PDB file of all heavy atoms in Angstrom:
ATOM      1  N   ASP A   1      42.649 139.394  98.119  1.00  0.00           N
ATOM      2  CA  ASP A   1      41.683 139.087  99.185  1.00  0.00           C
ATOM      3  C   ASP A   1      40.965 140.375  99.589  1.00  0.00           C
ATOM      4  O   ASP A   1      41.588 141.302 100.115  1.00  0.00           O
ATOM      5  CB  ASP A   1      42.405 138.487 100.398  1.00  0.00           C
ATOM      6  CG  ASP A   1      41.439 137.867 101.405  1.00  0.00           C
ATOM      7  OD1 ASP A   1      40.402 138.507 101.699  1.00  0.00           O
ATOM      8  OD2 ASP A   1      41.716 136.757 101.892  1.00  0.00           O
ATOM      9  N   ARG A   2      39.681 140.435  99.345  1.00  0.00           N
ATOM     10  CA  ARG A   2      38.909 141.644  99.642  1.00  0.00           C
ATOM     11  C   ARG A   2      38.858 141.965 101.130  1.00  0.00           C
ATOM     12  O   ARG A   2      38.554 143.092 101.526  1.00  0.00           O
ATOM     13  CB  ARG A   2      37.478 141.504  99.104  1.00  0.00           C
ATOM     14  CG  ARG A   2      37.397 141.519  97.586  1.00  0.00           C
ATOM     15  CD  ARG A   2      35.958 141.556  97.106  1.00  0.00           C
ATOM     16  NE  ARG A   2      35.874 141.644  95.656  1.00  0.00           N
ATOM     17  CZ  ARG A   2      35.969 142.786  94.984  1.00  0.00           C
ATOM     18  NH1 ARG A   2      36.142 143.923  95.652  1.00  0.00           N
ATOM     19  NH2 ARG A   2      35.883 142.800  93.677  1.00  0.00           N
ATOM     20  N   SER A   3      39.151 140.967 101.971  1.00  0.00           N
ATOM     21  CA  SER A   3      39.079 141.192 103.422  1.00  0.00           C
ATOM     22  C   SER A   3      40.321 141.901 103.971  1.00  0.00           C
ATOM     23  O   SER A   3      40.338 142.298 105.139  1.00  0.00           O
ATOM     24  CB  SER A   3      38.893 139.861 104.152  1.00  0.00           C
ATOM     25  OG  SER A   3      40.069 139.054 104.054  1.00  0.00           O
ATOM     26  N   ILE A   4      41.349 142.079 103.141  1.00  0.00           N
ATOM     27  CA  ILE A   4      42.575 142.730 103.608  1.00  0.00           C
ATOM     28  C   ILE A   4      42.271 144.167 104.026  1.00  0.00           C
ATOM     29  O   ILE A   4      41.641 144.922 103.285  1.00  0.00           O
ATOM     30  CB  ILE A   4      43.664 142.721 102.512  1.00  0.00           C
ATOM     31  CG1 ILE A   4      44.159 141.298 102.254  1.00  0.00           C
ATOM     32  CG2 ILE A   4      44.844 143.610 102.913  1.00  0.00           C
ATOM     33  CD1 ILE A   4      45.205 141.200 101.157  1.00  0.00           C
ATOM     34  N   ASP A   5      42.714 144.529 105.231  1.00  0.00           N
ATOM     35  CA  ASP A   5      42.550 145.905 105.719  1.00  0.00           C
ATOM     36  C   ASP A   5      43.717 146.733 105.177  1.00  0.00           C
ATOM     37  O   ASP A   5      44.779 146.809 105.786  1.00  0.00           O
ATOM     38  CB  ASP A   5      42.535 145.925 107.251  1.00  0.00           C
ATOM     39  CG  ASP A   5      42.330 147.326 107.810  1.00  0.00           C
ATOM     40  OD1 ASP A   5      42.091 148.264 107.019  1.00  0.00           O
ATOM     41  OD2 ASP A   5      42.425 147.478 109.051  1.00  0.00           O
ATOM     42  N   ILE A   6      43.500 147.342 104.022  1.00  0.00           N
ATOM     43  CA  ILE A   6      44.555 148.081 103.336  1.00  0.00           C
ATOM     44  C   ILE A   6      45.121 149.202 104.202  1.00  0.00           C
ATOM     45  O   ILE A   6      46.326 149.467 104.203  1.00  0.00           O
ATOM     46  CB  ILE A   6      44.038 148.659 102.001  1.00  0.00           C
ATOM     47  CG1 ILE A   6      43.659 147.531 101.035  1.00  0.00           C
ATOM     48  CG2 ILE A   6      45.088 149.566 101.367  1.00  0.00           C
ATOM     49  CD1 ILE A   6      44.811 146.696 100.556  1.00  0.00           C
ATOM     50  N   ASP A   7      44.257 149.857 104.948  1.00  0.00           N
ATOM     51  CA  ASP A   7      44.689 151.014 105.750  1.00  0.00           C
ATOM     52  C   ASP A   7      45.607 150.627 106.905  1.00  0.00           C
ATOM     53  O   ASP A   7      46.264 151.487 107.495  1.00  0.00           O
ATOM     54  CB  ASP A   7      43.471 151.773 106.285  1.00  0.00           C
ATOM     55  CG  ASP A   7      42.677 152.436 105.166  1.00  0.00           C
ATOM     56  OD1 ASP A   7      43.293 152.771 104.140  1.00  0.00           O
ATOM     57  OD2 ASP A   7      41.456 152.596 105.314  1.00  0.00           O
ATOM     58  N   SER A   8      45.652 149.338 107.228  1.00  0.00           N
ATOM     59  CA  SER A   8      46.524 148.888 108.323  1.00  0.00           C
ATOM     60  C   SER A   8      47.923 148.534 107.814  1.00  0.00           C
ATOM     61  O   SER A   8      48.810 148.221 108.616  1.00  0.00           O
ATOM     62  CB  SER A   8      45.913 147.658 109.012  1.00  0.00           C
ATOM     63  OG  SER A   8      45.941 146.516 108.153  1.00  0.00           O
ATOM     64  N   LEU A   9      48.115 148.601 106.508  1.00  0.00           N
ATOM     65  CA  LEU A   9      49.392 148.238 105.914  1.00  0.00           C
ATOM     66  C   LEU A   9      50.293 149.460 105.749  1.00  0.00           C
ATOM     67  O   LEU A   9      49.821 150.591 105.645  1.00  0.00           O
ATOM     68  CB  LEU A   9      49.183 147.585 104.552  1.00  0.00           C
ATOM     69  CG  LEU A   9      48.227 146.381 104.511  1.00  0.00           C
ATOM     70  CD1 LEU A   9      48.089 145.874 103.077  1.00  0.00           C
ATOM     71  CD2 LEU A   9      48.701 145.263 105.431  1.00  0.00           C
ATOM     72  N   THR A  10      51.599 149.207 105.716  1.00  0.00           N
ATOM     73  CA  THR A  10      52.576 150.272 105.476  1.00  0.00           C
ATOM     74  C   THR A  10      53.211 150.055 104.114  1.00  0.00           C
ATOM     75  O   THR A  10      53.661 148.953 103.800  1.00  0.00           O
ATOM     76  CB  THR A  10      53.673 150.263 106.563  1.00  0.00           C
ATOM     77  OG1 THR A  10      53.080 150.502 107.846  1.00  0.00           O
ATOM     78  CG2 THR A  10      54.717 151.341 106.281  1.00  0.00           C
ATOM     79  N   PHE A  11      53.226 151.124 103.308  1.00  0.00           N
ATOM     80  CA  PHE A  11      53.800 151.037 101.959  1.00  0.00           C
ATOM     81  C   PHE A  11      55.012 151.944 101.828  1.00  0.00           C
ATOM     82  O   PHE A  11      54.977 153.106 102.236  1.00  0.00           O
ATOM     83  CB  PHE A  11      52.757 151.441 100.911  1.00  0.00           C
ATOM     84  CG  PHE A  11      51.594 150.499 100.808  1.00  0.00           C
ATOM     85  CD1 PHE A  11      50.429 150.742 101.518  1.00  0.00           C
ATOM     86  CD2 PHE A  11      51.661 149.365 100.015  1.00  0.00           C
ATOM     87  CE1 PHE A  11      49.342 149.885 101.429  1.00  0.00           C
ATOM     88  CE2 PHE A  11      50.589 148.494  99.918  1.00  0.00           C
ATOM     89  CZ  PHE A  11      49.419 148.748 100.629  1.00  0.00           C
ATOM     90  N   PHE A  12      56.074 151.385 101.258  1.00  0.00           N
ATOM     91  CA  PHE A  12      57.259 152.167 100.902  1.00  0.00           C
ATOM     92  C   PHE A  12      57.302 152.246  99.378  1.00  0.00           C
ATOM     93  O   PHE A  12      57.165 151.220  98.706  1.00  0.00           O
ATOM     94  CB  PHE A  12      58.538 151.500 101.401  1.00  0.00           C
ATOM     95  CG  PHE A  12      58.584 151.275 102.887  1.00  0.00           C
ATOM     96  CD1 PHE A  12      58.339 150.016 103.425  1.00  0.00           C
ATOM     97  CD2 PHE A  12      58.873 152.319 103.752  1.00  0.00           C
ATOM     98  CE1 PHE A  12      58.391 149.798 104.794  1.00  0.00           C
ATOM     99  CE2 PHE A  12      58.934 152.121 105.124  1.00  0.00           C
ATOM    100  CZ  PHE A  12      58.687 150.862 105.651  1.00  0.00           C
ATOM    101  N   THR A  13      57.474 153.434  98.837  1.00  0.00           N
ATOM    102  CA  THR A  13      57.497 153.591  97.389  1.00  0.00           C
ATOM    103  C   THR A  13      58.913 153.474  96.840  1.00  0.00           C
ATOM    104  O   THR A  13      59.830 154.154  97.293  1.00  0.00           O
ATOM    105  CB  THR A  13      56.907 154.959  96.979  1.00  0.00           C
ATOM    106  OG1 THR A  13      55.566 155.058  97.469  1.00  0.00           O
ATOM    107  CG2 THR A  13      56.888 155.095  95.466  1.00  0.00           C
ATOM    108  N   LEU A  14      59.073 152.585  95.877  1.00  0.00           N
ATOM    109  CA  LEU A  14      60.367 152.382  95.220  1.00  0.00           C
ATOM    110  C   LEU A  14      60.168 152.495  93.714  1.00  0.00           C
ATOM    111  O   LEU A  14      59.522 151.651  93.096  1.00  0.00           O
ATOM    112  CB  LEU A  14      60.938 151.006  95.573  1.00  0.00           C
ATOM    113  CG  LEU A  14      62.213 150.585  94.825  1.00  0.00           C
ATOM    114  CD1 LEU A  14      63.335 151.574  95.072  1.00  0.00           C
ATOM    115  CD2 LEU A  14      62.634 149.181  95.240  1.00  0.00           C
ATOM    116  N   ASN A  15      60.707 153.552  93.126  1.00  0.00           N
ATOM    117  CA  ASN A  15      60.629 153.723  91.681  1.00  0.00           C
ATOM    118  C   ASN A  15      61.933 154.356  91.185  1.00  0.00           C
ATOM    119  O   ASN A  15      62.916 154.430  91.935  1.00  0.00           O
ATOM    120  CB  ASN A  15      59.410 154.574  91.293  1.00  0.00           C
ATOM    121  CG  ASN A  15      59.363 155.896  92.041  1.00  0.00           C
ATOM    122  OD1 ASN A  15      60.397 156.546  92.245  1.00  0.00           O
ATOM    123  ND2 ASN A  15      58.168 156.311  92.462  1.00  0.00           N
ATOM    124  N   LYS A  16      61.936 154.815  89.959  1.00  0.00           N
ATOM    125  CA  LYS A  16      63.162 155.359  89.375  1.00  0.00           C
ATOM    126  C   LYS A  16      63.653 156.616  90.083  1.00  0.00           C
ATOM    127  O   LYS A  16      64.832 156.972  89.996  1.00  0.00           O
ATOM    128  CB  LYS A  16      62.926 155.663  87.890  1.00  0.00           C
ATOM    129  CG  LYS A  16      62.677 154.424  87.045  1.00  0.00           C
ATOM    130  CD  LYS A  16      62.431 154.797  85.594  1.00  0.00           C
ATOM    131  CE  LYS A  16      62.174 153.554  84.750  1.00  0.00           C
ATOM    132  NZ  LYS A  16      61.887 153.899  83.328  1.00  0.00           N
ATOM    133  N   ARG A  17      62.755 157.285  90.784  1.00  0.00           N
ATOM    134  CA  ARG A  17      63.130 158.535  91.468  1.00  0.00           C
ATOM    135  C   ARG A  17      63.602 158.313  92.906  1.00  0.00           C
ATOM    136  O   ARG A  17      64.081 159.241  93.555  1.00  0.00           O
ATOM    137  CB  ARG A  17      61.948 159.500  91.454  1.00  0.00           C
ATOM    138  CG  ARG A  17      61.553 159.965  90.060  1.00  0.00           C
ATOM    139  CD  ARG A  17      60.381 160.928  90.101  1.00  0.00           C
ATOM    140  NE  ARG A  17      59.173 160.287  90.602  1.00  0.00           N
ATOM    141  CZ  ARG A  17      58.354 159.548  89.841  1.00  0.00           C
ATOM    142  NH1 ARG A  17      58.630 159.363  88.563  1.00  0.00           N
ATOM    143  NH2 ARG A  17      57.275 159.013  90.353  1.00  0.00           N
ATOM    144  N   THR A  18      63.479 157.091  93.405  1.00  0.00           N
ATOM    145  CA  THR A  18      63.881 156.798  94.781  1.00  0.00           C
ATOM    146  C   THR A  18      65.403 156.821  94.920  1.00  0.00           C
ATOM    147  O   THR A  18      66.110 156.223  94.113  1.00  0.00           O
ATOM    148  CB  THR A  18      63.352 155.415  95.212  1.00  0.00           C
ATOM    149  OG1 THR A  18      61.933 155.371  95.035  1.00  0.00           O
ATOM    150  CG2 THR A  18      63.672 155.153  96.680  1.00  0.00           C
ATOM    151  N   GLN A  19      65.877 157.515  95.948  1.00  0.00           N
ATOM    152  CA  GLN A  19      67.314 157.590  96.204  1.00  0.00           C
ATOM    153  C   GLN A  19      67.805 156.310  96.877  1.00  0.00           C
ATOM    154  O   GLN A  19      67.097 155.710  97.694  1.00  0.00           O
ATOM    155  CB  GLN A  19      67.624 158.793  97.099  1.00  0.00           C
ATOM    156  CG  GLN A  19      67.228 160.137  96.506  1.00  0.00           C
ATOM    157  CD  GLN A  19      68.007 160.460  95.246  1.00  0.00           C
ATOM    158  OE1 GLN A  19      69.222 160.273  95.190  1.00  0.00           O
ATOM    159  NE2 GLN A  19      67.303 160.961  94.230  1.00  0.00           N
ATOM    160  N   LEU A  20      69.017 155.886  96.536  1.00  0.00           N
ATOM    161  CA  LEU A  20      69.583 154.683  97.141  1.00  0.00           C
ATOM    162  C   LEU A  20      69.660 154.790  98.656  1.00  0.00           C
ATOM    163  O   LEU A  20      69.530 153.791  99.373  1.00  0.00           O
ATOM    164  CB  LEU A  20      70.978 154.411  96.568  1.00  0.00           C
ATOM    165  CG  LEU A  20      71.040 153.949  95.109  1.00  0.00           C
ATOM    166  CD1 LEU A  20      72.491 153.821  94.660  1.00  0.00           C
ATOM    167  CD2 LEU A  20      70.314 152.621  94.937  1.00  0.00           C
ATOM    168  N   SER A  21      69.834 156.009  99.152  1.00  0.00           N
ATOM    169  CA  SER A  21      69.938 156.222 100.597  1.00  0.00           C
ATOM    170  C   SER A  21      68.633 155.914 101.326  1.00  0.00           C
ATOM    171  O   SER A  21      68.627 155.743 102.550  1.00  0.00           O
ATOM    172  CB  SER A  21      70.347 157.676 100.881  1.00  0.00           C
ATOM    173  OG  SER A  21      69.413 158.586 100.318  1.00  0.00           O
ATOM    174  N   GLU A  22      67.526 155.832 100.586  1.00  0.00           N
ATOM    175  CA  GLU A  22      66.219 155.568 101.194  1.00  0.00           C
ATOM    176  C   GLU A  22      65.922 154.074 101.340  1.00  0.00           C
ATOM    177  O   GLU A  22      64.974 153.692 102.022  1.00  0.00           O
ATOM    178  CB  GLU A  22      65.112 156.212 100.356  1.00  0.00           C
ATOM    179  CG  GLU A  22      65.224 157.722 100.188  1.00  0.00           C
ATOM    180  CD  GLU A  22      64.147 158.268  99.260  1.00  0.00           C
ATOM    181  OE1 GLU A  22      62.963 157.939  99.498  1.00  0.00           O
ATOM    182  OE2 GLU A  22      64.487 158.995  98.312  1.00  0.00           O
ATOM    183  N   LEU A  23      66.708 153.234 100.693  1.00  0.00           N
ATOM    184  CA  LEU A  23      66.382 151.811 100.625  1.00  0.00           C
ATOM    185  C   LEU A  23      66.557 151.080 101.946  1.00  0.00           C
ATOM    186  O   LEU A  23      65.782 150.183 102.275  1.00  0.00           O
ATOM    187  CB  LEU A  23      67.220 151.132  99.534  1.00  0.00           C
ATOM    188  CG  LEU A  23      67.058 151.699  98.118  1.00  0.00           C
ATOM    189  CD1 LEU A  23      67.856 150.866  97.126  1.00  0.00           C
ATOM    190  CD2 LEU A  23      65.598 151.753  97.707  1.00  0.00           C
ATOM    191  N   ASP A  24      67.562 151.459 102.724  1.00  0.00           N
ATOM    192  CA  ASP A  24      67.826 150.762 103.985  1.00  0.00           C
ATOM    193  C   ASP A  24      66.624 150.792 104.926  1.00  0.00           C
ATOM    194  O   ASP A  24      66.300 149.796 105.572  1.00  0.00           O
ATOM    195  CB  ASP A  24      69.043 151.372 104.693  1.00  0.00           C
ATOM    196  CG  ASP A  24      70.358 150.880 104.099  1.00  0.00           C
ATOM    197  OD1 ASP A  24      70.475 149.665 103.857  1.00  0.00           O
ATOM    198  OD2 ASP A  24      71.252 151.701 103.871  1.00  0.00           O
ATOM    199  N   LYS A  25      65.946 151.933 104.995  1.00  0.00           N
ATOM    200  CA  LYS A  25      64.822 152.057 105.934  1.00  0.00           C
ATOM    201  C   LYS A  25      63.647 151.168 105.539  1.00  0.00           C
ATOM    202  O   LYS A  25      62.826 150.794 106.387  1.00  0.00           O
ATOM    203  CB  LYS A  25      64.363 153.508 106.035  1.00  0.00           C
ATOM    204  CG  LYS A  25      63.684 154.055 104.795  1.00  0.00           C
ATOM    205  CD  LYS A  25      63.229 155.496 105.004  1.00  0.00           C
ATOM    206  CE  LYS A  25      62.495 156.036 103.773  1.00  0.00           C
ATOM    207  NZ  LYS A  25      62.068 157.450 103.957  1.00  0.00           N
ATOM    208  N   MET A  26      63.567 150.824 104.244  1.00  0.00           N
ATOM    209  CA  MET A  26      62.488 149.960 103.795  1.00  0.00           C
ATOM    210  C   MET A  26      62.614 148.540 104.343  1.00  0.00           C
ATOM    211  O   MET A  26      61.639 147.794 104.385  1.00  0.00           O
ATOM    212  CB  MET A  26      62.454 149.926 102.262  1.00  0.00           C
ATOM    213  CG  MET A  26      62.206 151.266 101.619  1.00  0.00           C
ATOM    214  SD  MET A  26      62.146 151.153  99.806  1.00  0.00           S
ATOM    215  CE  MET A  26      61.976 152.895  99.373  1.00  0.00           C
ATOM    216  N   LEU A  27      63.825 148.177 104.740  1.00  0.00           N
ATOM    217  CA  LEU A  27      64.064 146.834 105.276  1.00  0.00           C
ATOM    218  C   LEU A  27      64.113 146.805 106.803  1.00  0.00           C
ATOM    219  O   LEU A  27      64.333 145.752 107.401  1.00  0.00           O
ATOM    220  CB  LEU A  27      65.374 146.278 104.710  1.00  0.00           C
ATOM    221  CG  LEU A  27      65.403 146.099 103.183  1.00  0.00           C
ATOM    222  CD1 LEU A  27      66.778 145.637 102.725  1.00  0.00           C
ATOM    223  CD2 LEU A  27      64.349 145.100 102.731  1.00  0.00           C
ATOM    224  N   LEU A  28      63.894 147.963 107.442  1.00  0.00           N
ATOM    225  CA  LEU A  28      63.920 148.022 108.907  1.00  0.00           C
ATOM    226  C   LEU A  28      62.940 147.052 109.564  1.00  0.00           C
ATOM    227  O   LEU A  28      63.254 146.481 110.624  1.00  0.00           O
ATOM    228  CB  LEU A  28      63.646 149.457 109.383  1.00  0.00           C
ATOM    229  CG  LEU A  28      64.789 150.459 109.178  1.00  0.00           C
ATOM    230  CD1 LEU A  28      64.354 151.852 109.627  1.00  0.00           C
ATOM    231  CD2 LEU A  28      66.037 150.018 109.933  1.00  0.00           C
ATOM    232  N   PRO A  29      61.731 146.843 109.009  1.00  0.00           N
ATOM    233  CA  PRO A  29      60.818 145.876 109.643  1.00  0.00           C
ATOM    234  C   PRO A  29      61.430 144.490 109.805  1.00  0.00           C
ATOM    235  O   PRO A  29      61.125 143.782 110.775  1.00  0.00           O
ATOM    236  CB  PRO A  29      59.620 145.852 108.687  1.00  0.00           C
ATOM    237  CG  PRO A  29      59.613 147.215 108.080  1.00  0.00           C
ATOM    238  CD  PRO A  29      61.072 147.546 107.894  1.00  0.00           C
ATOM    239  N   LEU A  30      62.295 144.081 108.891  1.00  0.00           N
ATOM    240  CA  LEU A  30      62.931 142.769 108.983  1.00  0.00           C
ATOM    241  C   LEU A  30      63.811 142.660 110.218  1.00  0.00           C
ATOM    242  O   LEU A  30      63.927 141.586 110.825  1.00  0.00           O
ATOM    243  CB  LEU A  30      63.769 142.502 107.731  1.00  0.00           C
ATOM    244  CG  LEU A  30      62.998 142.219 106.433  1.00  0.00           C
ATOM    245  CD1 LEU A  30      63.929 142.291 105.235  1.00  0.00           C
ATOM    246  CD2 LEU A  30      62.324 140.855 106.500  1.00  0.00           C
ATOM    247  N   GLU A  31      64.416 143.771 110.601  1.00  0.00           N
ATOM    248  CA  GLU A  31      65.321 143.760 111.747  1.00  0.00           C
ATOM    249  C   GLU A  31      64.597 143.532 113.072  1.00  0.00           C
ATOM    250  O   GLU A  31      65.212 143.131 114.056  1.00  0.00           O
ATOM    251  CB  GLU A  31      66.105 145.075 111.795  1.00  0.00           C
ATOM    252  CG  GLU A  31      67.002 145.284 110.575  1.00  0.00           C
ATOM    253  CD  GLU A  31      67.819 146.560 110.659  1.00  0.00           C
ATOM    254  OE1 GLU A  31      67.742 147.242 111.702  1.00  0.00           O
ATOM    255  OE2 GLU A  31      68.532 146.882 109.685  1.00  0.00           O
ATOM    256  N   VAL A  32      63.292 143.785 113.077  1.00  0.00           N
ATOM    257  CA  VAL A  32      62.515 143.586 114.320  1.00  0.00           C
ATOM    258  C   VAL A  32      61.514 142.450 114.174  1.00  0.00           C
ATOM    259  O   VAL A  32      60.531 142.370 114.912  1.00  0.00           O
ATOM    260  CB  VAL A  32      61.800 144.893 114.740  1.00  0.00           C
ATOM    261  CG1 VAL A  32      62.816 145.941 115.143  1.00  0.00           C
ATOM    262  CG2 VAL A  32      60.908 145.424 113.614  1.00  0.00           C
ATOM    263  N   GLY A  33      61.734 141.589 113.192  1.00  0.00           N
ATOM    264  CA  GLY A  33      60.930 140.379 113.087  1.00  0.00           C
ATOM    265  C   GLY A  33      59.682 140.448 112.237  1.00  0.00           C
ATOM    266  O   GLY A  33      58.794 139.592 112.378  1.00  0.00           O
ATOM    267  N   ASN A  34      59.585 141.435 111.357  1.00  0.00           N
ATOM    268  CA  ASN A  34      58.420 141.546 110.480  1.00  0.00           C
ATOM    269  C   ASN A  34      58.815 141.286 109.028  1.00  0.00           C
ATOM    270  O   ASN A  34      59.802 141.847 108.537  1.00  0.00           O
ATOM    271  CB  ASN A  34      57.802 142.945 110.576  1.00  0.00           C
ATOM    272  CG  ASN A  34      57.214 143.222 111.937  1.00  0.00           C
ATOM    273  OD1 ASN A  34      56.331 142.499 112.408  1.00  0.00           O
ATOM    274  ND2 ASN A  34      57.703 144.261 112.592  1.00  0.00           N
ATOM    275  N   SER A  35      58.036 140.473 108.354  1.00  0.00           N
ATOM    276  CA  SER A  35      58.305 140.210 106.946  1.00  0.00           C
ATOM    277  C   SER A  35      57.963 141.420 106.095  1.00  0.00           C
ATOM    278  O   SER A  35      57.140 142.256 106.475  1.00  0.00           O
ATOM    279  CB  SER A  35      57.497 138.996 106.464  1.00  0.00           C
ATOM    280  OG  SER A  35      57.985 137.809 107.041  1.00  0.00           O
ATOM    281  N   VAL A  36      58.603 141.503 104.934  1.00  0.00           N
ATOM    282  CA  VAL A  36      58.362 142.588 103.988  1.00  0.00           C
ATOM    283  C   VAL A  36      58.075 141.975 102.625  1.00  0.00           C
ATOM    284  O   VAL A  36      58.713 141.002 102.225  1.00  0.00           O
ATOM    285  CB  VAL A  36      59.591 143.529 103.889  1.00  0.00           C
ATOM    286  CG1 VAL A  36      59.370 144.593 102.817  1.00  0.00           C
ATOM    287  CG2 VAL A  36      59.875 144.178 105.236  1.00  0.00           C
ATOM    288  N   GLY A  37      57.094 142.546 101.916  1.00  0.00           N
ATOM    289  CA  GLY A  37      56.766 142.075 100.577  1.00  0.00           C
ATOM    290  C   GLY A  37      57.228 143.078  99.532  1.00  0.00           C
ATOM    291  O   GLY A  37      57.040 144.279  99.703  1.00  0.00           O
ATOM    292  N   LEU A  38      57.850 142.609  98.472  1.00  0.00           N
ATOM    293  CA  LEU A  38      58.291 143.468  97.377  1.00  0.00           C
ATOM    294  C   LEU A  38      57.443 143.170  96.148  1.00  0.00           C
ATOM    295  O   LEU A  38      57.390 142.041  95.671  1.00  0.00           O
ATOM    296  CB  LEU A  38      59.773 143.217  97.079  1.00  0.00           C
ATOM    297  CG  LEU A  38      60.363 143.922  95.847  1.00  0.00           C
ATOM    298  CD1 LEU A  38      60.322 145.439  96.019  1.00  0.00           C
ATOM    299  CD2 LEU A  38      61.796 143.460  95.604  1.00  0.00           C
ATOM    300  N   LEU A  39      56.746 144.205  95.627  1.00  0.00           N
ATOM    301  CA  LEU A  39      55.896 144.064  94.450  1.00  0.00           C
ATOM    302  C   LEU A  39      56.361 144.997  93.345  1.00  0.00           C
ATOM    303  O   LEU A  39      56.749 146.135  93.610  1.00  0.00           O
ATOM    304  CB  LEU A  39      54.436 144.432  94.767  1.00  0.00           C
ATOM    305  CG  LEU A  39      53.556 143.495  95.582  1.00  0.00           C
ATOM    306  CD1 LEU A  39      53.942 143.523  97.054  1.00  0.00           C
ATOM    307  CD2 LEU A  39      52.095 143.894  95.420  1.00  0.00           C
ATOM    308  N   SER A  40      56.316 144.522  92.110  1.00  0.00           N
ATOM    309  CA  SER A  40      56.550 145.410  90.973  1.00  0.00           C
ATOM    310  C   SER A  40      55.196 145.795  90.406  1.00  0.00           C
ATOM    311  O   SER A  40      54.154 145.379  90.905  1.00  0.00           O
ATOM    312  CB  SER A  40      57.417 144.718  89.920  1.00  0.00           C
ATOM    313  OG  SER A  40      56.727 143.602  89.391  1.00  0.00           O
ATOM    314  N   GLU A  41      55.175 146.596  89.341  1.00  0.00           N
ATOM    315  CA  GLU A  41      53.917 146.987  88.720  1.00  0.00           C
ATOM    316  C   GLU A  41      53.265 145.809  88.001  1.00  0.00           C
ATOM    317  O   GLU A  41      52.049 145.702  87.952  1.00  0.00           O
ATOM    318  CB  GLU A  41      54.137 148.128  87.735  1.00  0.00           C
ATOM    319  CG  GLU A  41      54.179 149.500  88.363  1.00  0.00           C
ATOM    320  CD  GLU A  41      52.834 149.926  88.919  1.00  0.00           C
ATOM    321  OE1 GLU A  41      52.035 150.506  88.172  1.00  0.00           O
ATOM    322  OE2 GLU A  41      52.571 149.657  90.101  1.00  0.00           O
ATOM    323  N   ALA A  42      54.073 144.941  87.451  1.00  0.00           N
ATOM    324  CA  ALA A  42      53.563 143.778  86.732  1.00  0.00           C
ATOM    325  C   ALA A  42      54.657 142.728  86.647  1.00  0.00           C
ATOM    326  O   ALA A  42      55.838 143.054  86.555  1.00  0.00           O
ATOM    327  CB  ALA A  42      53.096 144.158  85.330  1.00  0.00           C
TER     328      ALA A  42
END
């Protein structure tokens, strides 16, 4: 959707270099009532 305001979104990077200790914070939005989307490259 071209109307999406990309700059208003928050992105967490998850790749082969991401430490397991960093994963918990990526799900913090769920704890306060916000949905999270998980996307792969393809």
